[in-house]
Each structure stands twice: as C-alpha cells, then as structure tokens.
PDB file of all heavy atoms in Angstrom:
ATOM      1  N   LYS A   1      34.804  13.912  11.727  1.00  0.00           N
ATOM      2  CA  LYS A   1      33.413  13.946  11.255  1.00  0.00           C
ATOM      3  C   LYS A   1      33.339  13.956   9.723  1.00  0.00           C
ATOM      4  O   LYS A   1      32.376  13.480   9.137  1.00  0.00           O
ATOM      5  CB  LYS A   1      32.685  15.153  11.838  1.00  0.00           C
ATOM      6  CG  LYS A   1      33.221  16.506  11.375  1.00  0.00           C
ATOM      7  CD  LYS A   1      32.452  17.645  12.026  1.00  0.00           C
ATOM      8  CE  LYS A   1      32.966  18.998  11.521  1.00  0.00           C
ATOM      9  NZ  LYS A   1      32.239  20.128  12.162  1.00  0.00           N
ATOM     10  N   LEU A   2      34.414  14.512   9.089  1.00  0.00           N
ATOM     11  CA  LEU A   2      34.428  14.479   7.624  1.00  0.00           C
ATOM     12  C   LEU A   2      34.646  13.061   7.116  1.00  0.00           C
ATOM     13  O   LEU A   2      34.057  12.642   6.114  1.00  0.00           O
ATOM     14  CB  LEU A   2      35.517  15.404   7.091  1.00  0.00           C
ATOM     15  CG  LEU A   2      35.298  16.900   7.288  1.00  0.00           C
ATOM     16  CD1 LEU A   2      36.485  17.681   6.727  1.00  0.00           C
ATOM     17  CD2 LEU A   2      34.015  17.342   6.598  1.00  0.00           C
ATOM     18  N   ILE A   3      35.519  12.303   7.815  1.00  0.00           N
ATOM     19  CA  ILE A   3      35.767  10.916   7.415  1.00  0.00           C
ATOM     20  C   ILE A   3      34.496  10.089   7.569  1.00  0.00           C
ATOM     21  O   ILE A   3      34.126   9.307   6.688  1.00  0.00           O
ATOM     22  CB  ILE A   3      36.917  10.330   8.254  1.00  0.00           C
ATOM     23  CG1 ILE A   3      38.208  11.136   8.017  1.00  0.00           C
ATOM     24  CG2 ILE A   3      37.122   8.857   7.931  1.00  0.00           C
ATOM     25  CD1 ILE A   3      39.368  10.717   8.894  1.00  0.00           C
ATOM     26  N   LYS A   4      33.816  10.290   8.689  1.00  0.00           N
ATOM     27  CA  LYS A   4      32.553   9.572   8.901  1.00  0.00           C
ATOM     28  C   LYS A   4      31.490  10.040   7.916  1.00  0.00           C
ATOM     29  O   LYS A   4      30.702   9.244   7.395  1.00  0.00           O
ATOM     30  CB  LYS A   4      32.083   9.804  10.338  1.00  0.00           C
ATOM     31  CG  LYS A   4      30.852   9.005  10.709  1.00  0.00           C
ATOM     32  CD  LYS A   4      30.485   9.242  12.164  1.00  0.00           C
ATOM     33  CE  LYS A   4      29.234   8.447  12.521  1.00  0.00           C
ATOM     34  NZ  LYS A   4      28.826   8.678  13.940  1.00  0.00           N
ATOM     35  N   GLY A   5      31.498  11.360   7.646  1.00  0.00           N
ATOM     36  CA  GLY A   5      30.511  11.898   6.709  1.00  0.00           C
ATOM     37  C   GLY A   5      30.694  11.362   5.300  1.00  0.00           C
ATOM     38  O   GLY A   5      29.719  11.120   4.583  1.00  0.00           O
ATOM     39  N   LYS A   6      31.967  11.141   4.894  1.00  0.00           N
ATOM     40  CA  LYS A   6      32.204  10.598   3.556  1.00  0.00           C
ATOM     41  C   LYS A   6      31.661   9.180   3.439  1.00  0.00           C
ATOM     42  O   LYS A   6      31.116   8.784   2.394  1.00  0.00           O
ATOM     43  CB  LYS A   6      33.699  10.633   3.240  1.00  0.00           C
ATOM     44  CG  LYS A   6      33.997  10.232   1.804  1.00  0.00           C
ATOM     45  CD  LYS A   6      35.461  10.429   1.457  1.00  0.00           C
ATOM     46  CE  LYS A   6      35.705  10.098  -0.013  1.00  0.00           C
ATOM     47  NZ  LYS A   6      37.124  10.281  -0.392  1.00  0.00           N
ATOM     48  N   GLY A   7      31.796   8.400   4.522  1.00  0.00           N
ATOM     49  CA  GLY A   7      31.223   7.056   4.506  1.00  0.00           C
ATOM     50  C   GLY A   7      29.702   7.097   4.400  1.00  0.00           C
ATOM     51  O   GLY A   7      29.088   6.305   3.665  1.00  0.00           O
ATOM     52  N   LEU A   8      29.092   8.034   5.159  1.00  0.00           N
ATOM     53  CA  LEU A   8      27.635   8.178   5.073  1.00  0.00           C
ATOM     54  C   LEU A   8      27.202   8.668   3.689  1.00  0.00           C
ATOM     55  O   LEU A   8      26.138   8.275   3.190  1.00  0.00           O
ATOM     56  CB  LEU A   8      27.153   9.147   6.153  1.00  0.00           C
ATOM     57  CG  LEU A   8      27.284   8.653   7.603  1.00  0.00           C
ATOM     58  CD1 LEU A   8      26.931   9.778   8.582  1.00  0.00           C
ATOM     59  CD2 LEU A   8      26.372   7.452   7.833  1.00  0.00           C
ATOM     60  N   LEU A   9      28.027   9.524   3.076  1.00  0.00           N
ATOM     61  CA  LEU A   9      27.701   9.997   1.731  1.00  0.00           C
ATOM     62  C   LEU A   9      27.686   8.840   0.741  1.00  0.00           C
ATOM     63  O   LEU A   9      26.782   8.740  -0.102  1.00  0.00           O
ATOM     64  CB  LEU A   9      28.729  11.052   1.306  1.00  0.00           C
ATOM     65  CG  LEU A   9      28.611  11.564  -0.133  1.00  0.00           C
ATOM     66  CD1 LEU A   9      27.275  12.269  -0.351  1.00  0.00           C
ATOM     67  CD2 LEU A   9      29.767  12.510  -0.459  1.00  0.00           C
ATOM     68  N   LYS A  10      28.674   7.944   0.868  1.00  0.00           N
ATOM     69  CA  LYS A  10      28.706   6.775  -0.027  1.00  0.00           C
ATOM     70  C   LYS A  10      27.496   5.878   0.214  1.00  0.00           C
ATOM     71  O   LYS A  10      26.866   5.378  -0.729  1.00  0.00           O
ATOM     72  CB  LYS A  10      29.998   6.010   0.195  1.00  0.00           C
ATOM     73  CG  LYS A  10      30.174   4.808  -0.734  1.00  0.00           C
ATOM     74  CD  LYS A  10      31.494   4.112  -0.483  1.00  0.00           C
ATOM     75  CE  LYS A  10      31.662   2.935  -1.455  1.00  0.00           C
ATOM     76  NZ  LYS A  10      30.574   1.943  -1.331  1.00  0.00           N
ATOM     77  N   ASP A  11      27.143   5.677   1.500  1.00  0.00           N
ATOM     78  CA  ASP A  11      25.967   4.850   1.808  1.00  0.00           C
ATOM     79  C   ASP A  11      24.693   5.474   1.242  1.00  0.00           C
ATOM     80  O   ASP A  11      23.830   4.758   0.696  1.00  0.00           O
ATOM     81  CB  ASP A  11      25.831   4.689   3.327  1.00  0.00           C
ATOM     82  CG  ASP A  11      26.956   3.854   3.915  1.00  0.00           C
ATOM     83  OD1 ASP A  11      27.591   3.101   3.133  1.00  0.00           O
ATOM     84  OD2 ASP A  11      27.201   3.962   5.127  1.00  0.00           O
ATOM     85  N   TYR A  12      24.571   6.798   1.367  1.00  0.00           N
ATOM     86  CA  TYR A  12      23.374   7.456   0.847  1.00  0.00           C
ATOM     87  C   TYR A  12      23.260   7.279  -0.666  1.00  0.00           C
ATOM     88  O   TYR A  12      22.176   6.999  -1.194  1.00  0.00           O
ATOM     89  CB  TYR A  12      23.397   8.951   1.193  1.00  0.00           C
ATOM     90  CG  TYR A  12      22.278   9.714   0.516  1.00  0.00           C
ATOM     91  CD1 TYR A  12      20.981   9.671   1.012  1.00  0.00           C
ATOM     92  CD2 TYR A  12      22.519  10.433  -0.656  1.00  0.00           C
ATOM     93  CE1 TYR A  12      19.946  10.339   0.382  1.00  0.00           C
ATOM     94  CE2 TYR A  12      21.500  11.100  -1.301  1.00  0.00           C
ATOM     95  CZ  TYR A  12      20.213  11.053  -0.776  1.00  0.00           C
ATOM     96  OH  TYR A  12      19.192  11.705  -1.418  1.00  0.00           O
ATOM     97  N   LYS A  13      24.377   7.426  -1.375  1.00  0.00           N
ATOM     98  CA  LYS A  13      24.336   7.268  -2.821  1.00  0.00           C
ATOM     99  C   LYS A  13      23.937   5.852  -3.215  1.00  0.00           C
ATOM    100  O   LYS A  13      23.160   5.647  -4.157  1.00  0.00           O
ATOM    101  CB  LYS A  13      25.692   7.626  -3.425  1.00  0.00           C
ATOM    102  CG  LYS A  13      26.013   9.115  -3.373  1.00  0.00           C
ATOM    103  CD  LYS A  13      27.343   9.414  -4.050  1.00  0.00           C
ATOM    104  CE  LYS A  13      27.617  10.914  -4.072  1.00  0.00           C
ATOM    105  NZ  LYS A  13      28.911  11.236  -4.740  1.00  0.00           N
ATOM    106  N   ASP A  14      24.435   4.859  -2.463  1.00  0.00           N
ATOM    107  CA  ASP A  14      24.079   3.463  -2.771  1.00  0.00           C
ATOM    108  C   ASP A  14      22.600   3.200  -2.498  1.00  0.00           C
ATOM    109  O   ASP A  14      21.901   2.604  -3.330  1.00  0.00           O
ATOM    110  CB  ASP A  14      24.942   2.511  -1.942  1.00  0.00           C
ATOM    111  CG  ASP A  14      26.407   2.564  -2.353  1.00  0.00           C
ATOM    112  OD1 ASP A  14      26.678   2.987  -3.488  1.00  0.00           O
ATOM    113  OD2 ASP A  14      27.271   2.194  -1.516  1.00  0.00           O
ATOM    114  N   TYR A  15      22.121   3.659  -1.332  1.00  0.00           N
ATOM    115  CA  TYR A  15      20.717   3.417  -0.983  1.00  0.00           C
ATOM    116  C   TYR A  15      19.766   4.174  -1.924  1.00  0.00           C
ATOM    117  O   TYR A  15      18.729   3.645  -2.335  1.00  0.00           O
ATOM    118  CB  TYR A  15      20.462   3.838   0.472  1.00  0.00           C
ATOM    119  CG  TYR A  15      21.112   2.933   1.498  1.00  0.00           C
ATOM    120  CD1 TYR A  15      21.782   3.472   2.597  1.00  0.00           C
ATOM    121  CD2 TYR A  15      21.059   1.551   1.361  1.00  0.00           C
ATOM    122  CE1 TYR A  15      22.382   2.645   3.540  1.00  0.00           C
ATOM    123  CE2 TYR A  15      21.661   0.731   2.305  1.00  0.00           C
ATOM    124  CZ  TYR A  15      22.322   1.270   3.388  1.00  0.00           C
ATOM    125  OH  TYR A  15      22.912   0.453   4.311  1.00  0.00           O
ATOM    126  N   SER A  16      20.114   5.412  -2.240  1.00  0.00           N
ATOM    127  CA  SER A  16      19.236   6.192  -3.118  1.00  0.00           C
ATOM    128  C   SER A  16      19.207   5.609  -4.528  1.00  0.00           C
ATOM    129  O   SER A  16      18.167   5.621  -5.193  1.00  0.00           O
ATOM    130  CB  SER A  16      19.692   7.653  -3.157  1.00  0.00           C
ATOM    131  OG  SER A  16      21.011   7.750  -3.677  1.00  0.00           O
ATOM    132  N   LYS A  17      20.354   5.078  -4.975  1.00  0.00           N
ATOM    133  CA  LYS A  17      20.367   4.437  -6.300  1.00  0.00           C
ATOM    134  C   LYS A  17      19.489   3.186  -6.291  1.00  0.00           C
ATOM    135  O   LYS A  17      18.763   2.915  -7.268  1.00  0.00           O
ATOM    136  CB  LYS A  17      21.799   4.084  -6.685  1.00  0.00           C
ATOM    137  CG  LYS A  17      21.931   3.539  -8.100  1.00  0.00           C
ATOM    138  CD  LYS A  17      23.371   3.200  -8.426  1.00  0.00           C
ATOM    139  CE  LYS A  17      24.225   4.444  -8.477  1.00  0.00           C
ATOM    140  NZ  LYS A  17      25.627   4.144  -8.889  1.00  0.00           N
ATOM    141  N   THR A  18      19.538   2.422  -5.211  1.00  0.00           N
ATOM    142  CA  THR A  18      18.677   1.242  -5.100  1.00  0.00           C
ATOM    143  C   THR A  18      17.203   1.651  -5.085  1.00  0.00           C
ATOM    144  O   THR A  18      16.352   0.994  -5.709  1.00  0.00           O
ATOM    145  CB  THR A  18      19.007   0.456  -3.818  1.00  0.00           C
ATOM    146  OG1 THR A  18      20.404   0.129  -3.810  1.00  0.00           O
ATOM    147  CG2 THR A  18      18.194  -0.828  -3.744  1.00  0.00           C
ATOM    148  N   SER A  19      16.899   2.747  -4.384  1.00  0.00           N
ATOM    149  CA  SER A  19      15.516   3.246  -4.357  1.00  0.00           C
ATOM    150  C   SER A  19      15.061   3.640  -5.761  1.00  0.00           C
ATOM    151  O   SER A  19      13.931   3.343  -6.167  1.00  0.00           O
ATOM    152  CB  SER A  19      15.409   4.442  -3.411  1.00  0.00           C
ATOM    153  OG  SER A  19      15.791   4.091  -2.110  1.00  0.00           O
ATOM    154  N   LEU A  20      15.945   4.309  -6.495  1.00  0.00           N
ATOM    155  CA  LEU A  20      15.588   4.735  -7.850  1.00  0.00           C
ATOM    156  C   LEU A  20      15.323   3.538  -8.758  1.00  0.00           C
ATOM    157  O   LEU A  20      14.330   3.519  -9.511  1.00  0.00           O
ATOM    158  CB  LEU A  20      16.712   5.599  -8.431  1.00  0.00           C
ATOM    159  CG  LEU A  20      16.502   6.092  -9.868  1.00  0.00           C
ATOM    160  CD1 LEU A  20      15.321   7.044  -9.939  1.00  0.00           C
ATOM    161  CD2 LEU A  20      17.769   6.762 -10.400  1.00  0.00           C
ATOM    162  N   VAL A  21      16.190   2.529  -8.698  1.00  0.00           N
ATOM    163  CA  VAL A  21      15.996   1.328  -9.532  1.00  0.00           C
ATOM    164  C   VAL A  21      14.689   0.636  -9.175  1.00  0.00           C
ATOM    165  O   VAL A  21      13.926   0.209 -10.058  1.00  0.00           O
ATOM    166  CB  VAL A  21      17.196   0.381  -9.370  1.00  0.00           C
ATOM    167  CG1 VAL A  21      16.932  -0.944 -10.080  1.00  0.00           C
ATOM    168  CG2 VAL A  21      18.467   1.025  -9.919  1.00  0.00           C
ATOM    169  N   SER A  22      14.396   0.516  -7.869  1.00  0.00           N
ATOM    170  CA  SER A  22      13.139  -0.121  -7.447  1.00  0.00           C
ATOM    171  C   SER A  22      11.930   0.668  -7.942  1.00  0.00           C
ATOM    172  O   SER A  22      10.927   0.082  -8.384  1.00  0.00           O
ATOM    173  CB  SER A  22      13.098  -0.233  -5.916  1.00  0.00           C
ATOM    174  OG  SER A  22      14.184  -0.984  -5.438  1.00  0.00           O
ATOM    175  N   PHE A  23      12.018   2.000  -7.884  1.00  0.00           N
ATOM    176  CA  PHE A  23      10.913   2.846  -8.356  1.00  0.00           C
ATOM    177  C   PHE A  23      10.680   2.659  -9.855  1.00  0.00           C
ATOM    178  O   PHE A  23       9.537   2.498 -10.305  1.00  0.00           O
ATOM    179  CB  PHE A  23      11.227   4.312  -8.039  1.00  0.00           C
ATOM    180  CG  PHE A  23      10.191   5.287  -8.521  1.00  0.00           C
ATOM    181  CD1 PHE A  23       9.084   5.577  -7.735  1.00  0.00           C
ATOM    182  CD2 PHE A  23      10.304   5.912  -9.756  1.00  0.00           C
ATOM    183  CE1 PHE A  23       8.120   6.480  -8.167  1.00  0.00           C
ATOM    184  CE2 PHE A  23       9.351   6.805 -10.198  1.00  0.00           C
ATOM    185  CZ  PHE A  23       8.249   7.088  -9.391  1.00  0.00           C
ATOM    186  N   LEU A  24      11.756   2.663 -10.638  1.00  0.00           N
ATOM    187  CA  LEU A  24      11.623   2.521 -12.091  1.00  0.00           C
ATOM    188  C   LEU A  24      11.094   1.140 -12.466  1.00  0.00           C
ATOM    189  O   LEU A  24      10.247   1.005 -13.362  1.00  0.00           O
ATOM    190  CB  LEU A  24      12.965   2.780 -12.766  1.00  0.00           C
ATOM    191  CG  LEU A  24      13.521   4.203 -12.627  1.00  0.00           C
ATOM    192  CD1 LEU A  24      14.906   4.310 -13.271  1.00  0.00           C
ATOM    193  CD2 LEU A  24      12.572   5.227 -13.234  1.00  0.00           C
TER     194      LEU A  24
END
C-alpha cells in the first residue's frame, strides 16, 4: 500500500500543480 500510495502521491502533486497553473 505504501508503494501504491507513493504513486498516488506523485499523481496528486502533478494534478494539483496543473490546477494551480490553470488558476493563475
């Protein structure tokens, strides 16, 4: 679950960064 969680953590950082750029 930690291995899967690390992948989800990377996906969250990518998606949230895209959201931030779109907002700005």
